Amino acid sequence: MTSEFEKARVQHQREFINLDYDKIKEIANYYLINGDLNGLLALSNYSQILVAELISESGFPESAILSMERDPEAAVKLYRQVRWKLNERSRSLFKRLIAKIVIKISSGDSRGFSVNSKEYSVAYSPGMEFDLEKTIERMIEKCKKVDEMRYEDIVASDKRKRDKSLIMILDSSGSMTGKKILIAMMIAAIASHKLRGGRYGVVGFNSTAFVIKSPAENKDSVKVIEEILDLVPIGYTNISDGLKKGLEISYHLKNPKYLLITDGEYNVGEDPRKVARRFKNLCVIHTRGKRDSRGSALCKEIARIGGSKYFVIDDIKQIQRVMKSILD
């Protein structure tokens, strides 16, 4: 049975139209049971409704959830392919599942650095503020009970570090799909995790800019990731409007960092280089597009004018290194 379906996957993933409905549904069920996200994605190119109905009826077995953790990009692509054909409950569950997986992966990948590492290294004294979550983590690591806690077990907070803030400015135009959306989700997840003592905001833009999370808003990180996942890739690329909105929501912050995520292929609005002059610390992450040379040149220039760094991310494994450089 296994070899039969494996052969079917290779021979028919682009020829589903030649199979009858029952056979296609049988193959789809096999893909789901075995956690074959790419198989489901290929099949959804033929029939989004069939795949959506199967997910809505059956949910996700453990094998599929494990596959999402191994290949979150495939999970993002599958969700965005079938989301509007899923029933409301299944769409909400699928979206929440991906958001939590992205947060789990991002938190794990970012353990090697911490923008707050210095604030936690200071010795605690009575009267100082302390980080409850980190203190609990330290107690667990030491296998200590609460009644065994000593001052050296308490993780102190350094207010000088808690003022760090980051404003993400995310391109959500028609060219930003698949891996690019996953990159944005993971960056937002790292920001929410690492800036717990500071503030972060998220702005999206296509033809115009809009706010996903203001830095003053206490918005659940899962909800933020879900909203990024659900961005619809439509409209033109108005980078300048996104930059202006980023400045607008951060006027009250002290020395915030800004992070523009785009392919650099702007086609409407003011020249973003003019707006970049108003920034002191504007990093740019370039997500390669179809006209890569043009987009790359513009992103580099925006970062230079904005007084900060330019990065290229082609693989999600690069995100940890890039975010460490930005947040340090």
C-alpha atoms as a PDB file:
ATOM      1  CA  MET A   1       0.000   0.000   0.000  1.00  0.00           C
ATOM      2  CA  THR A   2       2.794   2.402   0.930  1.00  0.00           C
ATOM      3  CA  SER A   3       4.724   1.879  -2.310  1.00  0.00           C
ATOM      4  CA  GLU A   4       1.507   2.289  -4.292  1.00  0.00           C
ATOM      5  CA  PHE A   5       0.801   5.691  -2.777  1.00  0.00           C
ATOM      6  CA  GLU A   6       4.422   6.807  -3.007  1.00  0.00           C
ATOM      7  CA  LYS A   7       4.315   5.964  -6.690  1.00  0.00           C
ATOM      8  CA  ALA A   8       1.030   7.843  -6.998  1.00  0.00           C
ATOM      9  CA  ARG A   9       2.607  10.905  -5.386  1.00  0.00           C
ATOM     10  CA  VAL A  10       5.452  10.987  -7.890  1.00  0.00           C
ATOM     11  CA  GLN A  11       3.428  10.118 -10.966  1.00  0.00           C
ATOM     12  CA  HIS A  12       0.203  11.950 -10.270  1.00  0.00           C
ATOM     13  CA  GLN A  13       0.841  15.045  -8.176  1.00  0.00           C
ATOM     14  CA  ARG A  14       0.426  17.089 -11.353  1.00  0.00           C
ATOM     15  CA  GLU A  15      -2.011  14.718 -12.988  1.00  0.00           C
ATOM     16  CA  PHE A  16      -4.766  14.449 -10.361  1.00  0.00           C
ATOM     17  CA  ILE A  17      -7.227  15.522 -12.997  1.00  0.00           C
ATOM     18  CA  ASN A  18      -6.862  12.070 -14.582  1.00  0.00           C
ATOM     19  CA  LEU A  19      -7.939  10.277 -11.395  1.00  0.00           C
ATOM     20  CA  ASP A  20     -11.461   9.769 -10.154  1.00  0.00           C
ATOM     21  CA  TYR A  21     -12.681  11.590  -7.030  1.00  0.00           C
ATOM     22  CA  ASP A  22     -12.568   8.574  -4.709  1.00  0.00           C
ATOM     23  CA  LYS A  23      -8.973   7.808  -5.672  1.00  0.00           C
ATOM     24  CA  ILE A  24      -7.914  11.420  -5.136  1.00  0.00           C
ATOM     25  CA  LYS A  25      -9.594  11.490  -1.729  1.00  0.00           C
ATOM     26  CA  GLU A  26      -7.880   8.230  -0.819  1.00  0.00           C
ATOM     27  CA  ILE A  27      -4.499   9.700  -1.728  1.00  0.00           C
ATOM     28  CA  ALA A  28      -5.286  12.890   0.194  1.00  0.00           C
ATOM     29  CA  ASN A  29      -6.182  10.872   3.287  1.00  0.00           C
ATOM     30  CA  TYR A  30      -2.924   8.961   2.960  1.00  0.00           C
ATOM     31  CA  TYR A  31      -0.984  12.217   2.772  1.00  0.00           C
ATOM     32  CA  LEU A  32      -2.749  13.552   5.882  1.00  0.00           C
ATOM     33  CA  ILE A  33      -2.282  10.378   7.948  1.00  0.00           C
ATOM     34  CA  ASN A  34       1.426  10.308   7.085  1.00  0.00           C
ATOM     35  CA  GLY A  35       1.945  14.027   7.622  1.00  0.00           C
ATOM     36  CA  ASP A  36       2.880  14.652   3.995  1.00  0.00           C
ATOM     37  CA  LEU A  37       2.304  18.402   3.834  1.00  0.00           C
ATOM     38  CA  ASN A  38       3.901  18.791   0.444  1.00  0.00           C
ATOM     39  CA  GLY A  39       1.667  16.053  -0.938  1.00  0.00           C
ATOM     40  CA  LEU A  40      -1.397  17.882   0.403  1.00  0.00           C
ATOM     41  CA  LEU A  41      -0.057  21.142  -0.995  1.00  0.00           C
ATOM     42  CA  ALA A  42       0.406  19.596  -4.443  1.00  0.00           C
ATOM     43  CA  LEU A  43      -3.091  18.134  -4.281  1.00  0.00           C
ATOM     44  CA  SER A  44      -4.574  21.463  -3.193  1.00  0.00           C
ATOM     45  CA  ASN A  45      -3.339  22.957  -6.463  1.00  0.00           C
ATOM     46  CA  TYR A  46      -5.864  20.663  -8.099  1.00  0.00           C
ATOM     47  CA  SER A  47      -8.652  20.934  -5.521  1.00  0.00           C
ATOM     48  CA  GLN A  48      -8.493  23.283  -2.554  1.00  0.00           C
ATOM     49  CA  ILE A  49     -12.005  22.233  -1.568  1.00  0.00           C
ATOM     50  CA  LEU A  50     -11.143  18.521  -1.315  1.00  0.00           C
ATOM     51  CA  VAL A  51      -8.097  19.160   0.879  1.00  0.00           C
ATOM     52  CA  ALA A  52      -9.960  21.715   3.005  1.00  0.00           C
ATOM     53  CA  GLU A  53     -12.881  19.348   3.550  1.00  0.00           C
ATOM     54  CA  LEU A  54     -10.532  16.551   4.582  1.00  0.00           C
ATOM     55  CA  ILE A  55      -8.769  18.796   7.117  1.00  0.00           C
ATOM     56  CA  SER A  56     -12.095  20.126   8.394  1.00  0.00           C
ATOM     57  CA  GLU A  57     -13.459  16.602   8.870  1.00  0.00           C
ATOM     58  CA  SER A  58     -10.354  14.858  10.207  1.00  0.00           C
ATOM     59  CA  GLY A  59      -8.185  17.517  11.832  1.00  0.00           C
ATOM     60  CA  PHE A  60      -4.445  16.921  12.046  1.00  0.00           C
ATOM     61  CA  PRO A  61      -2.947  13.657  13.325  1.00  0.00           C
ATOM     62  CA  GLU A  62       0.267  13.764  15.354  1.00  0.00           C
ATOM     63  CA  SER A  63       2.323  12.894  12.271  1.00  0.00           C
ATOM     64  CA  ALA A  64       1.066  16.030  10.513  1.00  0.00           C
ATOM     65  CA  ILE A  65       1.815  18.233  13.531  1.00  0.00           C
ATOM     66  CA  LEU A  66       5.364  16.837  13.696  1.00  0.00           C
ATOM     67  CA  SER A  67       5.747  17.573   9.990  1.00  0.00           C
ATOM     68  CA  MET A  68       4.690  21.174  10.609  1.00  0.00           C
ATOM     69  CA  GLU A  69       7.418  21.532  13.224  1.00  0.00           C
ATOM     70  CA  ARG A  70       9.988  20.086  10.821  1.00  0.00           C
ATOM     71  CA  ASP A  71       8.792  22.102   7.828  1.00  0.00           C
ATOM     72  CA  PRO A  72       6.874  25.212   8.954  1.00  0.00           C
ATOM     73  CA  GLU A  73       7.187  26.734   5.500  1.00  0.00           C
ATOM     74  CA  ALA A  74       5.086  23.912   4.006  1.00  0.00           C
ATOM     75  CA  ALA A  75       2.538  24.387   6.803  1.00  0.00           C
ATOM     76  CA  VAL A  76       2.300  28.124   6.072  1.00  0.00           C
ATOM     77  CA  LYS A  77       1.909  27.517   2.346  1.00  0.00           C
ATOM     78  CA  LEU A  78      -0.775  24.864   2.890  1.00  0.00           C
ATOM     79  CA  TYR A  79      -2.743  27.064   5.282  1.00  0.00           C
ATOM     80  CA  ARG A  80      -2.631  30.065   2.965  1.00  0.00           C
ATOM     81  CA  GLN A  81      -3.649  27.860   0.042  1.00  0.00           C
ATOM     82  CA  VAL A  82      -6.787  26.330   1.620  1.00  0.00           C
ATOM     83  CA  ARG A  83      -7.717  28.750   4.452  1.00  0.00           C
ATOM     84  CA  TRP A  84     -10.800  30.273   2.825  1.00  0.00           C
ATOM     85  CA  LYS A  85     -12.190  26.823   1.990  1.00  0.00           C
ATOM     86  CA  LEU A  86     -11.880  25.548   5.582  1.00  0.00           C
ATOM     87  CA  ASN A  87     -14.803  25.867   7.960  1.00  0.00           C
ATOM     88  CA  GLU A  88     -14.400  28.612  10.544  1.00  0.00           C
ATOM     89  CA  ARG A  89     -13.459  26.282  13.410  1.00  0.00           C
ATOM     90  CA  SER A  90     -10.824  24.406  11.382  1.00  0.00           C
ATOM     91  CA  ARG A  91      -9.368  27.622   9.991  1.00  0.00           C
ATOM     92  CA  SER A  92      -9.006  29.029  13.495  1.00  0.00           C
ATOM     93  CA  LEU A  93      -7.426  25.820  14.827  1.00  0.00           C
ATOM     94  CA  PHE A  94      -5.024  25.502  11.869  1.00  0.00           C
ATOM     95  CA  LYS A  95      -3.969  29.133  12.214  1.00  0.00           C
ATOM     96  CA  ARG A  96      -3.481  28.843  15.976  1.00  0.00           C
ATOM     97  CA  LEU A  97      -1.481  25.632  15.553  1.00  0.00           C
ATOM     98  CA  ILE A  98       0.931  27.218  13.069  1.00  0.00           C
ATOM     99  CA  ALA A  99       1.323  30.345  15.228  1.00  0.00           C
ATOM    100  CA  LYS A 100       2.225  28.264  18.290  1.00  0.00           C
ATOM    101  CA  ILE A 101       4.653  26.126  16.284  1.00  0.00           C
ATOM    102  CA  VAL A 102       6.361  29.259  14.925  1.00  0.00           C
ATOM    103  CA  ILE A 103       6.662  30.680  18.443  1.00  0.00           C
ATOM    104  CA  LYS A 104       8.027  27.353  19.732  1.00  0.00           C
ATOM    105  CA  ILE A 105      10.607  27.128  16.944  1.00  0.00           C
ATOM    106  CA  SER A 106      11.596  30.784  17.231  1.00  0.00           C
ATOM    107  CA  SER A 107      11.961  30.634  21.014  1.00  0.00           C
ATOM    108  CA  GLY A 108      14.115  27.531  20.718  1.00  0.00           C
ATOM    109  CA  ASP A 109      16.258  28.994  17.935  1.00  0.00           C
ATOM    110  CA  SER A 110      16.858  32.202  19.896  1.00  0.00           C
ATOM    111  CA  ARG A 111      18.064  30.598  23.125  1.00  0.00           C
ATOM    112  CA  GLY A 112      21.615  31.262  22.038  1.00  0.00           C
ATOM    113  CA  PHE A 113      21.225  34.986  22.522  1.00  0.00           C
ATOM    114  CA  SER A 114      19.301  37.398  24.670  1.00  0.00           C
ATOM    115  CA  VAL A 115      18.949  41.130  24.433  1.00  0.00           C
ATOM    116  CA  ASN A 116      18.437  40.974  28.177  1.00  0.00           C
ATOM    117  CA  SER A 117      21.440  38.775  29.011  1.00  0.00           C
ATOM    118  CA  LYS A 118      23.251  41.594  30.817  1.00  0.00           C
ATOM    119  CA  GLU A 119      20.265  42.552  32.848  1.00  0.00           C
ATOM    120  CA  TYR A 120      20.019  39.006  34.205  1.00  0.00           C
ATOM    121  CA  SER A 121      23.676  38.762  35.158  1.00  0.00           C
ATOM    122  CA  VAL A 122      23.513  41.405  37.859  1.00  0.00           C
ATOM    123  CA  ALA A 123      23.303  40.228  41.455  1.00  0.00           C
ATOM    124  CA  TYR A 124      19.930  40.623  43.139  1.00  0.00           C
ATOM    125  CA  SER A 125      19.527  42.764  46.233  1.00  0.00           C
ATOM    126  CA  PRO A 126      16.384  43.451  48.283  1.00  0.00           C
ATOM    127  CA  GLY A 127      14.319  46.210  46.672  1.00  0.00           C
ATOM    128  CA  MET A 128      15.385  45.454  43.100  1.00  0.00           C
ATOM    129  CA  GLU A 129      12.897  44.417  40.436  1.00  0.00           C
ATOM    130  CA  PHE A 130      13.077  40.794  39.336  1.00  0.00           C
ATOM    131  CA  ASP A 131      11.892  38.669  36.411  1.00  0.00           C
ATOM    132  CA  LEU A 132       9.449  36.070  37.715  1.00  0.00           C
ATOM    133  CA  GLU A 133       9.538  33.852  34.620  1.00  0.00           C
ATOM    134  CA  LYS A 134      13.333  33.706  34.511  1.00  0.00           C
ATOM    135  CA  THR A 135      13.501  33.129  38.256  1.00  0.00           C
ATOM    136  CA  ILE A 136      11.178  30.134  37.952  1.00  0.00           C
ATOM    137  CA  GLU A 137      13.292  28.793  35.077  1.00  0.00           C
ATOM    138  CA  ARG A 138      16.426  29.093  37.248  1.00  0.00           C
ATOM    139  CA  MET A 139      14.743  27.294  40.158  1.00  0.00           C
ATOM    140  CA  ILE A 140      13.710  24.461  37.872  1.00  0.00           C
ATOM    141  CA  GLU A 141      17.236  24.192  36.464  1.00  0.00           C
ATOM    142  CA  LYS A 142      18.596  23.920  40.017  1.00  0.00           C
ATOM    143  CA  CYS A 143      15.846  21.462  41.019  1.00  0.00           C
ATOM    144  CA  LYS A 144      14.976  23.667  43.979  1.00  0.00           C
ATOM    145  CA  LYS A 145      11.693  24.030  45.806  1.00  0.00           C
ATOM    146  CA  VAL A 146      10.187  27.450  46.531  1.00  0.00           C
ATOM    147  CA  ASP A 147      11.047  27.259  50.231  1.00  0.00           C
ATOM    148  CA  GLU A 148      14.695  26.654  49.281  1.00  0.00           C
ATOM    149  CA  MET A 149      15.004  29.912  47.319  1.00  0.00           C
ATOM    150  CA  ARG A 150      17.943  32.187  48.111  1.00  0.00           C
ATOM    151  CA  TYR A 151      18.855  35.644  46.833  1.00  0.00           C
ATOM    152  CA  GLU A 152      21.329  34.138  44.362  1.00  0.00           C
ATOM    153  CA  ASP A 153      18.431  32.233  42.744  1.00  0.00           C
ATOM    154  CA  ILE A 154      16.502  35.400  41.873  1.00  0.00           C
ATOM    155  CA  VAL A 155      16.979  36.846  38.393  1.00  0.00           C
ATOM    156  CA  ALA A 156      17.304  40.621  38.699  1.00  0.00           C
ATOM    157  CA  SER A 157      16.099  43.117  36.101  1.00  0.00           C
ATOM    158  CA  ASP A 158      18.153  46.009  34.776  1.00  0.00           C
ATOM    159  CA  LYS A 159      15.886  48.914  33.828  1.00  0.00           C
ATOM    160  CA  ARG A 160      18.461  50.259  31.432  1.00  0.00           C
ATOM    161  CA  LYS A 161      17.873  47.222  29.233  1.00  0.00           C
ATOM    162  CA  ARG A 162      14.118  47.259  29.565  1.00  0.00           C
ATOM    163  CA  ASP A 163      13.758  50.390  27.472  1.00  0.00           C
ATOM    164  CA  LYS A 164      14.703  48.579  24.249  1.00  0.00           C
ATOM    165  CA  SER A 165      12.053  48.723  21.574  1.00  0.00           C
ATOM    166  CA  LEU A 166      11.653  47.543  18.007  1.00  0.00           C
ATOM    167  CA  ILE A 167       9.220  48.541  15.268  1.00  0.00           C
ATOM    168  CA  MET A 168       8.765  45.968  12.490  1.00  0.00           C
ATOM    169  CA  ILE A 169       7.648  47.385   9.151  1.00  0.00           C
ATOM    170  CA  LEU A 170       6.415  44.488   7.051  1.00  0.00           C
ATOM    171  CA  ASP A 171       5.795  44.385   3.317  1.00  0.00           C
ATOM    172  CA  SER A 172       2.485  42.580   2.704  1.00  0.00           C
ATOM    173  CA  SER A 173       2.093  43.361  -0.997  1.00  0.00           C
ATOM    174  CA  GLY A 174       1.406  40.812  -3.717  1.00  0.00           C
ATOM    175  CA  SER A 175       5.033  39.695  -3.916  1.00  0.00           C
ATOM    176  CA  MET A 176       5.266  38.698  -0.241  1.00  0.00           C
ATOM    177  CA  THR A 177       4.160  35.059   0.040  1.00  0.00           C
ATOM    178  CA  GLY A 178       5.227  31.676   1.446  1.00  0.00           C
ATOM    179  CA  LYS A 179       8.687  31.773   2.955  1.00  0.00           C
ATOM    180  CA  LYS A 180       8.673  35.574   3.197  1.00  0.00           C
ATOM    181  CA  ILE A 181       5.596  35.484   5.428  1.00  0.00           C
ATOM    182  CA  LEU A 182       7.158  32.743   7.564  1.00  0.00           C
ATOM    183  CA  ILE A 183      10.295  34.884   7.996  1.00  0.00           C
ATOM    184  CA  ALA A 184       8.152  37.806   9.171  1.00  0.00           C
ATOM    185  CA  MET A 185       6.243  35.551  11.585  1.00  0.00           C
ATOM    186  CA  MET A 186       9.444  34.187  13.121  1.00  0.00           C
ATOM    187  CA  ILE A 187      10.959  37.656  13.496  1.00  0.00           C
ATOM    188  CA  ALA A 188       7.815  38.859  15.253  1.00  0.00           C
ATOM    189  CA  ALA A 189       7.907  35.790  17.514  1.00  0.00           C
ATOM    190  CA  ILE A 190      11.527  36.463  18.483  1.00  0.00           C
ATOM    191  CA  ALA A 191      10.769  40.138  19.100  1.00  0.00           C
ATOM    192  CA  SER A 192       7.824  39.312  21.369  1.00  0.00           C
ATOM    193  CA  HIS A 193       9.945  36.797  23.284  1.00  0.00           C
ATOM    194  CA  LYS A 194      13.098  38.868  23.627  1.00  0.00           C
ATOM    195  CA  LEU A 195      11.494  42.242  24.252  1.00  0.00           C
ATOM    196  CA  ARG A 196       9.218  41.181  27.064  1.00  0.00           C
ATOM    197  CA  GLY A 197      10.643  43.978  29.178  1.00  0.00           C
ATOM    198  CA  GLY A 198      10.582  46.458  26.300  1.00  0.00           C
ATOM    199  CA  ARG A 199       8.145  47.244  23.550  1.00  0.00           C
ATOM    200  CA  TYR A 200       7.657  46.168  19.980  1.00  0.00           C
ATOM    201  CA  GLY A 201       5.250  47.202  17.267  1.00  0.00           C
ATOM    202  CA  VAL A 202       4.289  45.769  13.894  1.00  0.00           C
ATOM    203  CA  VAL A 203       3.245  47.768  10.839  1.00  0.00           C
ATOM    204  CA  GLY A 204       2.126  46.199   7.582  1.00  0.00           C
ATOM    205  CA  PHE A 205       1.922  47.874   4.207  1.00  0.00           C
ATOM    206  CA  ASN A 206       0.837  47.186   0.661  1.00  0.00           C
ATOM    207  CA  SER A 207      -0.781  50.069  -1.243  1.00  0.00           C
ATOM    208  CA  THR A 208      -1.178  51.801   2.148  1.00  0.00           C
ATOM    209  CA  ALA A 209       0.132  51.156   5.657  1.00  0.00           C
ATOM    210  CA  PHE A 210      -1.770  49.723   8.617  1.00  0.00           C
ATOM    211  CA  VAL A 211      -0.985  48.834  12.234  1.00  0.00           C
ATOM    212  CA  ILE A 212      -0.951  45.190  13.345  1.00  0.00           C
ATOM    213  CA  LYS A 213       0.341  45.958  16.842  1.00  0.00           C
ATOM    214  CA  SER A 214       1.203  49.286  18.398  1.00  0.00           C
ATOM    215  CA  PRO A 215       4.155  49.319  20.834  1.00  0.00           C
ATOM    216  CA  ALA A 216       1.851  50.511  23.620  1.00  0.00           C
ATOM    217  CA  GLU A 217      -0.583  47.637  23.041  1.00  0.00           C
ATOM    218  CA  ASN A 218      -0.462  44.551  25.249  1.00  0.00           C
ATOM    219  CA  LYS A 219      -1.421  42.147  22.488  1.00  0.00           C
ATOM    220  CA  ASP A 220      -1.033  38.381  22.776  1.00  0.00           C
ATOM    221  CA  SER A 221       1.956  37.238  20.711  1.00  0.00           C
ATOM    222  CA  VAL A 222      -0.020  34.319  19.244  1.00  0.00           C
ATOM    223  CA  LYS A 223      -2.609  36.774  17.953  1.00  0.00           C
ATOM    224  CA  VAL A 224       0.106  38.932  16.370  1.00  0.00           C
ATOM    225  CA  ILE A 225       1.604  35.903  14.581  1.00  0.00           C
ATOM    226  CA  GLU A 226      -1.858  34.825  13.431  1.00  0.00           C
ATOM    227  CA  GLU A 227      -2.541  38.236  11.923  1.00  0.00           C
ATOM    228  CA  ILE A 228       0.754  38.162  10.030  1.00  0.00           C
ATOM    229  CA  LEU A 229      -0.046  34.641   8.799  1.00  0.00           C
ATOM    230  CA  ASP A 230      -3.427  35.857   7.562  1.00  0.00           C
ATOM    231  CA  LEU A 231      -2.083  38.850   5.632  1.00  0.00           C
ATOM    232  CA  VAL A 232      -3.456  38.797   2.108  1.00  0.00           C
ATOM    233  CA  PRO A 233      -0.733  39.429  -0.504  1.00  0.00           C
ATOM    234  CA  ILE A 234      -2.481  42.100  -2.550  1.00  0.00           C
ATOM    235  CA  GLY A 235      -1.919  45.636  -3.706  1.00  0.00           C
ATOM    236  CA  TYR A 236       1.112  47.685  -4.617  1.00  0.00           C
ATOM    237  CA  THR A 237       4.314  48.142  -2.619  1.00  0.00           C
ATOM    238  CA  ASN A 238       4.233  51.510  -0.843  1.00  0.00           C
ATOM    239  CA  ILE A 239       7.397  51.324   1.275  1.00  0.00           C
ATOM    240  CA  SER A 240       7.379  55.026   2.107  1.00  0.00           C
ATOM    241  CA  ASP A 241       3.899  54.816   3.660  1.00  0.00           C
ATOM    242  CA  GLY A 242       5.033  51.884   5.788  1.00  0.00           C
ATOM    243  CA  LEU A 243       8.054  53.836   7.000  1.00  0.00           C
ATOM    244  CA  LYS A 244       5.924  56.858   7.854  1.00  0.00           C
ATOM    245  CA  LYS A 245       3.480  54.717   9.825  1.00  0.00           C
ATOM    246  CA  GLY A 246       6.392  53.169  11.739  1.00  0.00           C
ATOM    247  CA  LEU A 247       7.538  56.629  12.778  1.00  0.00           C
ATOM    248  CA  GLU A 248       3.999  57.643  13.656  1.00  0.00           C
ATOM    249  CA  ILE A 249       3.394  54.817  16.149  1.00  0.00           C
ATOM    250  CA  SER A 250       6.798  55.203  17.824  1.00  0.00           C
ATOM    251  CA  TYR A 251       7.056  58.947  18.451  1.00  0.00           C
ATOM    252  CA  HIS A 252       6.817  58.390  22.227  1.00  0.00           C
ATOM    253  CA  LEU A 253       9.587  55.768  22.387  1.00  0.00           C
ATOM    254  CA  LYS A 254      13.169  56.517  23.337  1.00  0.00           C
ATOM    255  CA  ASN A 255      15.693  55.522  20.655  1.00  0.00           C
ATOM    256  CA  PRO A 256      13.657  52.698  19.077  1.00  0.00           C
ATOM    257  CA  LYS A 257      15.128  50.395  16.458  1.00  0.00           C
ATOM    258  CA  TYR A 258      13.277  49.904  13.212  1.00  0.00           C
ATOM    259  CA  LEU A 259      13.250  46.837  11.002  1.00  0.00           C
ATOM    260  CA  LEU A 260      11.974  47.007   7.421  1.00  0.00           C
ATOM    261  CA  ILE A 261      11.231  43.611   5.838  1.00  0.00           C
ATOM    262  CA  THR A 262      10.696  43.839   2.087  1.00  0.00           C
ATOM    263  CA  ASP A 263      11.813  42.673  -1.343  1.00  0.00           C
ATOM    264  CA  GLY A 264      12.495  46.334  -2.152  1.00  0.00           C
ATOM    265  CA  GLU A 265      10.324  46.380  -5.262  1.00  0.00           C
ATOM    266  CA  TYR A 266       8.348  49.541  -4.476  1.00  0.00           C
ATOM    267  CA  ASN A 267       6.012  50.736  -7.222  1.00  0.00           C
ATOM    268  CA  VAL A 268       3.809  53.385  -5.621  1.00  0.00           C
ATOM    269  CA  GLY A 269       4.200  56.287  -3.212  1.00  0.00           C
ATOM    270  CA  GLU A 270       7.078  58.591  -2.389  1.00  0.00           C
ATOM    271  CA  ASP A 271      10.665  57.481  -2.886  1.00  0.00           C
ATOM    272  CA  PRO A 272      11.404  55.571   0.380  1.00  0.00           C
ATOM    273  CA  ARG A 273      14.951  56.909   0.429  1.00  0.00           C
ATOM    274  CA  LYS A 274      13.576  60.359   1.213  1.00  0.00           C
ATOM    275  CA  VAL A 275      11.636  59.027   4.209  1.00  0.00           C
ATOM    276  CA  ALA A 276      14.639  56.955   5.353  1.00  0.00           C
ATOM    277  CA  ARG A 277      16.466  60.218   6.124  1.00  0.00           C
ATOM    278  CA  ARG A 278      14.137  60.682   9.100  1.00  0.00           C
ATOM    279  CA  PHE A 279      15.458  57.531  10.800  1.00  0.00           C
ATOM    280  CA  LYS A 280      18.472  57.013  13.017  1.00  0.00           C
ATOM    281  CA  ASN A 281      18.425  53.233  13.281  1.00  0.00           C
ATOM    282  CA  LEU A 282      16.627  51.602  10.358  1.00  0.00           C
ATOM    283  CA  CYS A 283      17.689  48.017   9.655  1.00  0.00           C
ATOM    284  CA  VAL A 284      16.534  46.357   6.448  1.00  0.00           C
ATOM    285  CA  ILE A 285      15.970  42.654   5.820  1.00  0.00           C
ATOM    286  CA  HIS A 286      15.833  41.983   2.109  1.00  0.00           C
ATOM    287  CA  THR A 287      13.628  39.083   1.042  1.00  0.00           C
ATOM    288  CA  ARG A 288      14.693  38.380  -2.503  1.00  0.00           C
ATOM    289  CA  GLY A 289      12.118  39.058  -5.210  1.00  0.00           C
ATOM    290  CA  LYS A 290      11.827  38.599  -8.961  1.00  0.00           C
ATOM    291  CA  ARG A 291      13.829  41.754  -9.731  1.00  0.00           C
ATOM    292  CA  ASP A 292      16.472  40.953  -7.160  1.00  0.00           C
ATOM    293  CA  SER A 293      19.217  43.350  -8.281  1.00  0.00           C
ATOM    294  CA  ARG A 294      16.915  46.368  -8.204  1.00  0.00           C
ATOM    295  CA  GLY A 295      15.357  45.397  -4.870  1.00  0.00           C
ATOM    296  CA  SER A 296      18.724  44.625  -3.304  1.00  0.00           C
ATOM    297  CA  ALA A 297      20.216  47.975  -4.351  1.00  0.00           C
ATOM    298  CA  LEU A 298      17.274  49.902  -2.923  1.00  0.00           C
ATOM    299  CA  CYS A 299      17.285  47.973   0.380  1.00  0.00           C
ATOM    300  CA  LYS A 300      21.006  48.584   0.830  1.00  0.00           C
ATOM    301  CA  GLU A 301      20.536  52.286   0.179  1.00  0.00           C
ATOM    302  CA  ILE A 302      17.604  52.564   2.602  1.00  0.00           C
ATOM    303  CA  ALA A 303      19.667  50.889   5.334  1.00  0.00           C
ATOM    304  CA  ARG A 304      22.623  53.187   4.647  1.00  0.00           C
ATOM    305  CA  ILE A 305      20.513  56.330   4.684  1.00  0.00           C
ATOM    306  CA  GLY A 306      18.616  55.074   7.755  1.00  0.00           C
ATOM    307  CA  GLY A 307      21.895  54.675   9.612  1.00  0.00           C
ATOM    308  CA  SER A 308      21.894  50.948  10.204  1.00  0.00           C
ATOM    309  CA  LYS A 309      22.420  47.481   8.737  1.00  0.00           C
ATOM    310  CA  TYR A 310      21.339  45.546   5.655  1.00  0.00           C
ATOM    311  CA  PHE A 311      20.638  41.808   5.752  1.00  0.00           C
ATOM    312  CA  VAL A 312      19.526  39.127   3.327  1.00  0.00           C
ATOM    313  CA  ILE A 313      17.563  36.114   4.576  1.00  0.00           C
ATOM    314  CA  ASP A 314      17.130  33.167   2.224  1.00  0.00           C
ATOM    315  CA  ASP A 315      16.693  30.498   4.888  1.00  0.00           C
ATOM    316  CA  ILE A 316      14.911  30.572   8.245  1.00  0.00           C
ATOM    317  CA  LYS A 317      18.092  29.196   9.846  1.00  0.00           C
ATOM    318  CA  GLN A 318      19.668  32.634   9.288  1.00  0.00           C
ATOM    319  CA  ILE A 319      17.039  34.452  11.357  1.00  0.00           C
ATOM    320  CA  GLN A 320      18.668  33.842  14.746  1.00  0.00           C
ATOM    321  CA  ARG A 321      21.980  35.367  13.655  1.00  0.00           C
ATOM    322  CA  VAL A 322      20.302  38.353  12.034  1.00  0.00           C
ATOM    323  CA  MET A 323      18.045  39.090  14.997  1.00  0.00           C
ATOM    324  CA  LYS A 324      20.959  38.818  17.410  1.00  0.00           C
ATOM    325  CA  SER A 325      22.788  41.449  15.377  1.00  0.00           C
ATOM    326  CA  ILE A 326      19.726  43.711  15.288  1.00  0.00           C
ATOM    327  CA  LEU A 327      18.699  43.420  18.933  1.00  0.00           C
ATOM    328  CA  ASP A 328      22.137  43.441  20.566  1.00  0.00           C
END
